[in-house]
C-alpha cells in the first residue's frame, strides 16, 4: 500500500512540476512579447519627438 501512495505522490509531483514549467514558459514568452512591444512603442515615441522637433526648428527658421 505504501508503494502505491509513494508512486501516486511521485506522479503528482511530476505533474505539478510540468504544469509549473509550462506556466513559467508561457509567462516568459508573454513578458518577452511585452518587452518587444514596449521597445517598439519607445522607438515610435522617439521618432515622433524628433519629427516634432525638426518641424518646430524648420518653422522657427522660416518665421524670422
C-alpha atoms as a PDB file:
ATOM      1  CA  UNK A   1       0.000   0.000   0.000  1.00  0.00           C
ATOM      2  CA  UNK A   2       2.872   2.362   0.823  1.00  0.00           C
ATOM      3  CA  UNK A   3       4.365   1.755  -2.600  1.00  0.00           C
ATOM      4  CA  UNK A   4       1.114   2.791  -4.323  1.00  0.00           C
ATOM      5  CA  UNK A   5       0.948   6.054  -2.345  1.00  0.00           C
ATOM      6  CA  UNK A   6       4.621   6.681  -2.986  1.00  0.00           C
ATOM      7  CA  UNK A   7       4.096   6.204  -6.739  1.00  0.00           C
ATOM      8  CA  UNK A   8       0.980   8.407  -6.644  1.00  0.00           C
ATOM      9  CA  UNK A   9       2.854  11.154  -4.792  1.00  0.00           C
ATOM     10  CA  UNK A  10       5.703  10.935  -7.323  1.00  0.00           C
ATOM     11  CA  UNK A  11       3.221  11.226 -10.213  1.00  0.00           C
ATOM     12  CA  UNK A  12       1.551  14.242  -8.603  1.00  0.00           C
ATOM     13  CA  UNK A  13       4.931  15.914  -8.066  1.00  0.00           C
ATOM     14  CA  UNK A  14       5.948  15.316 -11.679  1.00  0.00           C
ATOM     15  CA  UNK A  15       2.605  16.652 -12.951  1.00  0.00           C
ATOM     16  CA  UNK A  16       2.843  19.742 -10.735  1.00  0.00           C
ATOM     17  CA  UNK A  17       6.410  20.361 -11.891  1.00  0.00           C
ATOM     18  CA  UNK A  18       5.436  20.072 -15.558  1.00  0.00           C
ATOM     19  CA  UNK A  19       2.477  22.413 -15.079  1.00  0.00           C
ATOM     20  CA  UNK A  20       4.688  24.937 -13.295  1.00  0.00           C
ATOM     21  CA  UNK A  21       7.339  24.742 -16.033  1.00  0.00           C
ATOM     22  CA  UNK A  22       4.662  25.267 -18.675  1.00  0.00           C
ATOM     23  CA  UNK A  23       3.271  28.266 -16.791  1.00  0.00           C
ATOM     24  CA  UNK A  24       6.742  29.764 -16.401  1.00  0.00           C
ATOM     25  CA  UNK A  25       7.455  29.253 -20.104  1.00  0.00           C
ATOM     26  CA  UNK A  26       4.168  30.928 -21.020  1.00  0.00           C
ATOM     27  CA  UNK A  27       4.906  33.817 -18.661  1.00  0.00           C
ATOM     28  CA  UNK A  28       8.390  34.222 -20.120  1.00  0.00           C
ATOM     29  CA  UNK A  29       7.002  34.349 -23.667  1.00  0.00           C
ATOM     30  CA  UNK A  30       4.351  36.879 -22.590  1.00  0.00           C
ATOM     31  CA  UNK A  31       6.966  39.085 -20.894  1.00  0.00           C
ATOM     32  CA  UNK A  32       9.262  38.897 -23.938  1.00  0.00           C
ATOM     33  CA  UNK A  33       6.394  39.990 -26.201  1.00  0.00           C
ATOM     34  CA  UNK A  34       5.562  42.857 -23.839  1.00  0.00           C
ATOM     35  CA  UNK A  35       9.211  43.988 -23.852  1.00  0.00           C
ATOM     36  CA  UNK A  36       9.273  43.919 -27.668  1.00  0.00           C
ATOM     37  CA  UNK A  37       6.052  45.966 -27.804  1.00  0.00           C
ATOM     38  CA  UNK A  38       7.441  48.442 -25.278  1.00  0.00           C
ATOM     39  CA  UNK A  39      10.666  48.894 -27.249  1.00  0.00           C
ATOM     40  CA  UNK A  40       8.703  49.401 -30.477  1.00  0.00           C
ATOM     41  CA  UNK A  41       6.489  51.960 -28.735  1.00  0.00           C
ATOM     42  CA  UNK A  42       9.546  53.764 -27.338  1.00  0.00           C
ATOM     43  CA  UNK A  43      11.039  53.934 -30.836  1.00  0.00           C
ATOM     44  CA  UNK A  44       7.794  55.356 -32.217  1.00  0.00           C
ATOM     45  CA  UNK A  45       7.658  57.985 -29.464  1.00  0.00           C
ATOM     46  CA  UNK A  46      11.302  58.962 -30.014  1.00  0.00           C
ATOM     47  CA  UNK A  47      10.691  59.179 -33.774  1.00  0.00           C
ATOM     48  CA  UNK A  48       7.635  61.352 -33.161  1.00  0.00           C
ATOM     49  CA  UNK A  49       9.599  63.662 -30.818  1.00  0.00           C
ATOM     50  CA  UNK A  50      12.362  64.018 -33.410  1.00  0.00           C
ATOM     51  CA  UNK A  51       9.814  64.835 -36.127  1.00  0.00           C
ATOM     52  CA  UNK A  52       8.095  67.436 -33.929  1.00  0.00           C
ATOM     53  CA  UNK A  53      11.432  68.998 -33.003  1.00  0.00           C
ATOM     54  CA  UNK A  54      12.518  69.075 -36.660  1.00  0.00           C
ATOM     55  CA  UNK A  55       9.206  70.616 -37.710  1.00  0.00           C
ATOM     56  CA  UNK A  56       9.421  73.208 -34.917  1.00  0.00           C
ATOM     57  CA  UNK A  57      13.004  74.086 -35.818  1.00  0.00           C
ATOM     58  CA  UNK A  58      12.073  74.392 -39.519  1.00  0.00           C
ATOM     59  CA  UNK A  59       9.057  76.548 -38.686  1.00  0.00           C
ATOM     60  CA  UNK A  60      11.171  78.848 -36.495  1.00  0.00           C
ATOM     61  CA  UNK A  61      13.818  79.113 -39.218  1.00  0.00           C
ATOM     62  CA  UNK A  62      11.300  80.405 -41.758  1.00  0.00           C
ATOM     63  CA  UNK A  63       9.456  82.566 -39.242  1.00  0.00           C
ATOM     64  CA  UNK A  64      12.297  85.081 -38.940  1.00  0.00           C
END
